[in-house]
PDB file of N, CA and C in Angstrom:
ATOM      1  N   MET A   1      85.610 -67.492  67.832  1.00  0.00           N
ATOM      2  CA  MET A   1      84.780 -67.258  68.984  1.00  0.00           C
ATOM      3  C   MET A   1      85.466 -67.822  70.229  1.00  0.00           C
ATOM      4  N   GLU A   2      85.455 -67.079  71.282  1.00  0.00           N
ATOM      5  CA  GLU A   2      86.079 -67.537  72.522  1.00  0.00           C
ATOM      6  C   GLU A   2      85.161 -68.547  73.223  1.00  0.00           C
ATOM      7  N   PRO A   3      85.719 -69.680  73.638  1.00  0.00           N
ATOM      8  CA  PRO A   3      84.891 -70.679  74.309  1.00  0.00           C
ATOM      9  C   PRO A   3      84.467 -70.221  75.703  1.00  0.00           C
ATOM     10  N   ALA A   4      83.342 -70.733  76.159  1.00  0.00           N
ATOM     11  CA  ALA A   4      82.856 -70.419  77.497  1.00  0.00           C
ATOM     12  C   ALA A   4      83.807 -71.005  78.539  1.00  0.00           C
ATOM     13  N   PRO A   5      83.903 -70.396  79.705  1.00  0.00           N
ATOM     14  CA  PRO A   5      84.786 -70.927  80.756  1.00  0.00           C
ATOM     15  C   PRO A   5      84.520 -72.397  81.080  1.00  0.00           C
ATOM     16  N   ALA A   6      83.277 -72.816  81.049  1.00  0.00           N
ATOM     17  CA  ALA A   6      82.954 -74.221  81.322  1.00  0.00           C
ATOM     18  C   ALA A   6      83.548 -75.133  80.252  1.00  0.00           C
ATOM     19  N   ASP A   7      83.552 -74.677  79.005  1.00  0.00           N
ATOM     20  CA  ASP A   7      84.146 -75.473  77.916  1.00  0.00           C
ATOM     21  C   ASP A   7      85.659 -75.551  78.064  1.00  0.00           C
ATOM     22  N   VAL A   8      86.280 -74.474  78.489  1.00  0.00           N
ATOM     23  CA  VAL A   8      87.724 -74.479  78.713  1.00  0.00           C
ATOM     24  C   VAL A   8      88.065 -75.514  79.774  1.00  0.00           C
ATOM     25  N   GLU A   9      87.301 -75.541  80.860  1.00  0.00           N
ATOM     26  CA  GLU A   9      87.535 -76.514  81.940  1.00  0.00           C
ATOM     27  C   GLU A   9      87.338 -77.939  81.451  1.00  0.00           C
ATOM     28  N   ARG A  10      86.308 -78.152  80.669  1.00  0.00           N
ATOM     29  CA  ARG A  10      85.947 -79.493  80.214  1.00  0.00           C
ATOM     30  C   ARG A  10      86.884 -80.029  79.138  1.00  0.00           C
ATOM     31  N   LEU A  11      87.356 -79.176  78.258  1.00  0.00           N
ATOM     32  CA  LEU A  11      88.081 -79.627  77.073  1.00  0.00           C
ATOM     33  C   LEU A  11      89.600 -79.654  77.190  1.00  0.00           C
ATOM     34  N   THR A  12      90.169 -78.926  78.122  1.00  0.00           N
ATOM     35  CA  THR A  12      91.625 -78.780  78.137  1.00  0.00           C
ATOM     36  C   THR A  12      92.264 -79.331  79.407  1.00  0.00           C
ATOM     37  N   PRO A  13      93.511 -79.765  79.292  1.00  0.00           N
ATOM     38  CA  PRO A  13      94.222 -80.241  80.484  1.00  0.00           C
ATOM     39  C   PRO A  13      94.404 -79.102  81.492  1.00  0.00           C
ATOM     40  N   ARG A  14      94.227 -79.403  82.738  1.00  0.00           N
ATOM     41  CA  ARG A  14      94.291 -78.377  83.781  1.00  0.00           C
ATOM     42  C   ARG A  14      95.693 -77.863  84.036  1.00  0.00           C
ATOM     43  N   ASP A  15      96.695 -78.597  83.585  1.00  0.00           N
ATOM     44  CA  ASP A  15      98.068 -78.140  83.837  1.00  0.00           C
ATOM     45  C   ASP A  15      98.552 -77.122  82.811  1.00  0.00           C
ATOM     46  N   ARG A  16      97.736 -76.738  81.874  1.00  0.00           N
ATOM     47  CA  ARG A  16      98.078 -75.679  80.916  1.00  0.00           C
ATOM     48  C   ARG A  16      97.876 -74.337  81.578  1.00  0.00           C
ATOM     49  N   SER A  17      98.563 -73.334  81.088  1.00  0.00           N
ATOM     50  CA  SER A  17      98.428 -71.999  81.667  1.00  0.00           C
ATOM     51  C   SER A  17      97.069 -71.392  81.288  1.00  0.00           C
ATOM     52  N   ALA A  18      96.636 -70.453  82.095  1.00  0.00           N
ATOM     53  CA  ALA A  18      95.335 -69.820  81.879  1.00  0.00           C
ATOM     54  C   ALA A  18      95.260 -69.111  80.536  1.00  0.00           C
ATOM     55  N   LYS A  19      96.387 -68.628  80.027  1.00  0.00           N
ATOM     56  CA  LYS A  19      96.359 -67.930  78.735  1.00  0.00           C
ATOM     57  C   LYS A  19      96.302 -68.903  77.561  1.00  0.00           C
ATOM     58  N   ASP A  20      96.770 -70.133  77.744  1.00  0.00           N
ATOM     59  CA  ASP A  20      96.799 -71.114  76.659  1.00  0.00           C
ATOM     60  C   ASP A  20      95.516 -71.944  76.549  1.00  0.00           C
ATOM     61  N   ARG A  21      94.873 -72.166  77.664  1.00  0.00           N
ATOM     62  CA  ARG A  21      93.703 -73.053  77.673  1.00  0.00           C
ATOM     63  C   ARG A  21      92.567 -72.589  76.769  1.00  0.00           C
ATOM     64  N   PRO A  22      92.208 -71.286  76.722  1.00  0.00           N
ATOM     65  CA  PRO A  22      91.130 -70.878  75.814  1.00  0.00           C
ATOM     66  C   PRO A  22      91.475 -71.108  74.340  1.00  0.00           C
ATOM     67  N   LEU A  23      92.739 -70.930  73.970  1.00  0.00           N
ATOM     68  CA  LEU A  23      93.144 -71.164  72.575  1.00  0.00           C
ATOM     69  C   LEU A  23      92.985 -72.633  72.205  1.00  0.00           C
ATOM     70  N   LEU A  24      93.472 -73.502  73.074  1.00  0.00           N
ATOM     71  CA  LEU A  24      93.353 -74.931  72.814  1.00  0.00           C
ATOM     72  C   LEU A  24      91.894 -75.373  72.845  1.00  0.00           C
ATOM     73  N   ALA A  25      91.119 -74.852  73.773  1.00  0.00           N
ATOM     74  CA  ALA A  25      89.694 -75.191  73.852  1.00  0.00           C
ATOM     75  C   ALA A  25      88.952 -74.764  72.584  1.00  0.00           C
ATOM     76  N   ALA A  26      89.291 -73.607  72.041  1.00  0.00           N
ATOM     77  CA  ALA A  26      88.649 -73.145  70.806  1.00  0.00           C
ATOM     78  C   ALA A  26      88.960 -74.091  69.651  1.00  0.00           C
ATOM     79  N   ALA A  27      90.199 -74.548  69.565  1.00  0.00           N
ATOM     80  CA  ALA A  27      90.573 -75.488  68.500  1.00  0.00           C
ATOM     81  C   ALA A  27      89.835 -76.813  68.664  1.00  0.00           C
ATOM     82  N   ILE A  28      89.740 -77.296  69.881  1.00  0.00           N
ATOM     83  CA  ILE A  28      89.044 -78.562  70.134  1.00  0.00           C
ATOM     84  C   ILE A  28      87.555 -78.419  69.844  1.00  0.00           C
ATOM     85  N   ALA A  29      86.954 -77.323  70.306  1.00  0.00           N
ATOM     86  CA  ALA A  29      85.524 -77.100  70.071  1.00  0.00           C
ATOM     87  C   ALA A  29      85.210 -76.973  68.585  1.00  0.00           C
ATOM     88  N   ALA A  30      86.147 -76.424  67.819  1.00  0.00           N
ATOM     89  CA  ALA A  30      85.951 -76.279  66.371  1.00  0.00           C
ATOM     90  C   ALA A  30      86.255 -77.574  65.618  1.00  0.00           C
ATOM     91  N   ARG A  31      86.646 -78.607  66.361  1.00  0.00           N
ATOM     92  CA  ARG A  31      87.005 -79.912  65.788  1.00  0.00           C
ATOM     93  C   ARG A  31      88.182 -79.819  64.825  1.00  0.00           C
ATOM     94  N   ALA A  32      89.130 -78.960  65.195  1.00  0.00           N
ATOM     95  CA  ALA A  32      90.354 -78.843  64.397  1.00  0.00           C
ATOM     96  C   ALA A  32      91.135 -80.148  64.496  1.00  0.00           C
ATOM     97  N   THR A  33      91.770 -80.524  63.421  1.00  0.00           N
ATOM     98  CA  THR A  33      92.597 -81.733  63.455  1.00  0.00           C
ATOM     99  C   THR A  33      94.009 -81.425  63.909  1.00  0.00           C
ATOM    100  N   HIS A  34      94.414 -80.154  63.749  1.00  0.00           N
ATOM    101  CA  HIS A  34      95.760 -79.736  64.127  1.00  0.00           C
ATOM    102  C   HIS A  34      95.702 -78.392  64.852  1.00  0.00           C
ATOM    103  N   PHE A  35      96.629 -78.220  65.785  1.00  0.00           N
ATOM    104  CA  PHE A  35      96.808 -76.959  66.503  1.00  0.00           C
ATOM    105  C   PHE A  35      98.254 -76.574  66.274  1.00  0.00           C
ATOM    106  N   VAL A  36      98.483 -75.524  65.497  1.00  0.00           N
ATOM    107  CA  VAL A  36      99.838 -75.138  65.103  1.00  0.00           C
ATOM    108  C   VAL A  36     100.314 -73.994  65.998  1.00  0.00           C
ATOM    109  N   THR A  37     101.465 -74.207  66.636  1.00  0.00           N
ATOM    110  CA  THR A  37     102.008 -73.203  67.550  1.00  0.00           C
ATOM    111  C   THR A  37     103.526 -73.264  67.575  1.00  0.00           C
ATOM    112  N   GLY A  38     104.121 -72.142  67.824  1.00  0.00           N
ATOM    113  CA  GLY A  38     105.565 -72.087  68.014  1.00  0.00           C
ATOM    114  C   GLY A  38     105.922 -72.018  69.489  1.00  0.00           C
ATOM    115  N   ASP A  39     104.920 -72.100  70.345  1.00  0.00           N
ATOM    116  CA  ASP A  39     105.096 -71.992  71.789  1.00  0.00           C
ATOM    117  C   ASP A  39     105.558 -73.320  72.388  1.00  0.00           C
ATOM    118  N   LEU A  40     106.837 -73.603  72.218  1.00  0.00           N
ATOM    119  CA  LEU A  40     107.376 -74.864  72.732  1.00  0.00           C
ATOM    120  C   LEU A  40     107.429 -74.886  74.252  1.00  0.00           C
ATOM    121  N   ALA A  41     107.590 -73.740  74.867  1.00  0.00           N
ATOM    122  CA  ALA A  41     107.667 -73.699  76.326  1.00  0.00           C
ATOM    123  C   ALA A  41     106.395 -74.247  76.969  1.00  0.00           C
ATOM    124  N   ASP A  42     105.251 -73.941  76.392  1.00  0.00           N
ATOM    125  CA  ASP A  42     103.984 -74.373  76.987  1.00  0.00           C
ATOM    126  C   ASP A  42     103.375 -75.625  76.359  1.00  0.00           C
ATOM    127  N   PHE A  43     103.711 -75.917  75.111  1.00  0.00           N
ATOM    128  CA  PHE A  43     103.026 -77.008  74.422  1.00  0.00           C
ATOM    129  C   PHE A  43     103.902 -78.197  74.040  1.00  0.00           C
ATOM    130  N   LYS A  44     105.202 -78.139  74.267  1.00  0.00           N
ATOM    131  CA  LYS A  44     106.084 -79.211  73.793  1.00  0.00           C
ATOM    132  C   LYS A  44     105.664 -80.594  74.284  1.00  0.00           C
ATOM    133  N   ARG A  45     105.339 -80.721  75.553  1.00  0.00           N
ATOM    134  CA  ARG A  45     104.981 -82.055  76.057  1.00  0.00           C
ATOM    135  C   ARG A  45     103.679 -82.583  75.469  1.00  0.00           C
ATOM    136  N   TRP A  46     102.877 -81.705  74.879  1.00  0.00           N
ATOM    137  CA  TRP A  46     101.618 -82.130  74.259  1.00  0.00           C
ATOM    138  C   TRP A  46     101.766 -82.369  72.762  1.00  0.00           C
ATOM    139  N   MET A  47     102.974 -82.247  72.238  1.00  0.00           N
ATOM    140  CA  MET A  47     103.195 -82.423  70.802  1.00  0.00           C
ATOM    141  C   MET A  47     103.396 -83.881  70.404  1.00  0.00           C
ATOM    142  N   GLU A  48     103.494 -84.768  71.350  1.00  0.00           N
ATOM    143  CA  GLU A  48     103.655 -86.181  71.030  1.00  0.00           C
ATOM    144  C   GLU A  48     102.333 -86.743  70.529  1.00  0.00           C
ATOM    145  N   PRO A  49     102.378 -87.642  69.552  1.00  0.00           N
ATOM    146  CA  PRO A  49     101.131 -88.199  69.007  1.00  0.00           C
ATOM    147  C   PRO A  49     100.249 -88.881  70.055  1.00  0.00           C
ATOM    148  N   ARG A  50     100.815 -89.388  71.117  1.00  0.00           N
ATOM    149  CA  ARG A  50     100.011 -90.064  72.136  1.00  0.00           C
ATOM    150  C   ARG A  50      99.602 -89.130  73.278  1.00  0.00           C
ATOM    151  N   ALA A  51      99.500 -87.860  73.025  1.00  0.00           N
ATOM    152  CA  ALA A  51      99.203 -86.866  74.052  1.00  0.00           C
ATOM    153  C   ALA A  51      97.749 -86.892  74.527  1.00  0.00           C
ATOM    154  N   ARG A  52      96.915 -87.690  73.920  1.00  0.00           N
ATOM    155  CA  ARG A  52      95.506 -87.836  74.319  1.00  0.00           C
ATOM    156  C   ARG A  52      94.696 -86.553  74.188  1.00  0.00           C
ATOM    157  N   LEU A  53      94.930 -85.845  73.124  1.00  0.00           N
ATOM    158  CA  LEU A  53      94.116 -84.678  72.801  1.00  0.00           C
ATOM    159  C   LEU A  53      93.419 -84.957  71.479  1.00  0.00           C
ATOM    160  N   PRO A  54      92.244 -84.379  71.254  1.00  0.00           N
ATOM    161  CA  PRO A  54      91.530 -84.643  70.010  1.00  0.00           C
ATOM    162  C   PRO A  54      92.142 -83.980  68.775  1.00  0.00           C
ATOM    163  N   CYS A  55      93.118 -83.100  68.968  1.00  0.00           N
ATOM    164  CA  CYS A  55      93.809 -82.514  67.828  1.00  0.00           C
ATOM    165  C   CYS A  55      95.312 -82.657  68.058  1.00  0.00           C
ATOM    166  N   ARG A  56      96.035 -82.737  66.978  1.00  0.00           N
ATOM    167  CA  ARG A  56      97.487 -82.896  67.088  1.00  0.00           C
ATOM    168  C   ARG A  56      98.145 -81.533  67.183  1.00  0.00           C
ATOM    169  N   ILE A  57      98.980 -81.342  68.183  1.00  0.00           N
ATOM    170  CA  ILE A  57      99.698 -80.081  68.363  1.00  0.00           C
ATOM    171  C   ILE A  57     101.037 -80.195  67.652  1.00  0.00           C
ATOM    172  N   MET A  58     101.318 -79.209  66.792  1.00  0.00           N
ATOM    173  CA  MET A  58     102.509 -79.240  65.950  1.00  0.00           C
ATOM    174  C   MET A  58     103.134 -77.857  65.849  1.00  0.00           C
ATOM    175  N   THR A  59     104.439 -77.840  65.556  1.00  0.00           N
ATOM    176  CA  THR A  59     105.096 -76.575  65.230  1.00  0.00           C
ATOM    177  C   THR A  59     104.741 -76.234  63.782  1.00  0.00           C
ATOM    178  N   PRO A  60     104.928 -74.987  63.374  1.00  0.00           N
ATOM    179  CA  PRO A  60     104.669 -74.647  61.975  1.00  0.00           C
ATOM    180  C   PRO A  60     105.501 -75.507  61.015  1.00  0.00           C
ATOM    181  N   ARG A  61     106.758 -75.762  61.332  1.00  0.00           N
ATOM    182  CA  ARG A  61     107.604 -76.589  60.468  1.00  0.00           C
ATOM    183  C   ARG A  61     107.055 -78.012  60.347  1.00  0.00           C
ATOM    184  N   GLN A  62     106.637 -78.601  61.475  1.00  0.00           N
ATOM    185  CA  GLN A  62     106.062 -79.935  61.436  1.00  0.00           C
ATOM    186  C   GLN A  62     104.818 -79.954  60.568  1.00  0.00           C
ATOM    187  N   PHE A  63     103.977 -78.965  60.723  1.00  0.00           N
ATOM    188  CA  PHE A  63     102.746 -78.919  59.940  1.00  0.00           C
ATOM    189  C   PHE A  63     103.045 -78.853  58.447  1.00  0.00           C
ATOM    190  N   LEU A  64     103.986 -77.997  58.072  1.00  0.00           N
ATOM    191  CA  LEU A  64     104.301 -77.835  56.654  1.00  0.00           C
ATOM    192  C   LEU A  64     104.959 -79.069  56.053  1.00  0.00           C
ATOM    193  N   THR A  65     105.710 -79.807  56.846  1.00  0.00           N
ATOM    194  CA  THR A  65     106.411 -80.977  56.294  1.00  0.00           C
ATOM    195  C   THR A  65     105.670 -82.287  56.488  1.00  0.00           C
ATOM    196  N   GLU A  66     104.821 -82.387  57.523  1.00  0.00           N
ATOM    197  CA  GLU A  66     104.155 -83.656  57.815  1.00  0.00           C
ATOM    198  C   GLU A  66     102.680 -83.695  57.491  1.00  0.00           C
ATOM    199  N   ALA A  67     101.975 -82.639  57.772  1.00  0.00           N
ATOM    200  CA  ALA A  67     100.520 -82.680  57.699  1.00  0.00           C
ATOM    201  C   ALA A  67      99.947 -82.100  56.427  1.00  0.00           C
ATOM    202  N   ARG A  68     100.621 -81.161  55.860  1.00  0.00           N
ATOM    203  CA  ARG A  68     100.095 -80.496  54.672  1.00  0.00           C
ATOM    204  C   ARG A  68     100.351 -81.348  53.435  1.00  0.00           C
ATOM    205  N   PRO A  69      99.311 -81.606  52.666  1.00  0.00           N
ATOM    206  CA  PRO A  69      99.492 -82.435  51.446  1.00  0.00           C
ATOM    207  C   PRO A  69     100.308 -81.738  50.375  1.00  0.00           C
TER     208      PRO A  69
END
């Protein structure tokens, strides 16, 4: 489900692009623990563990080697 515009504003950093913010907001609203993306151009700086987001942003490789049991 696509999050409401107010939720996108409230849940996501404003420096993200308009196309990325709804995706990240949906993951946060769903209480996802991880957000898996190959989009390093837009998300690399948010992939650090101290990025202050409620879910950890990871590449598919990171997810498969670090997060998946």
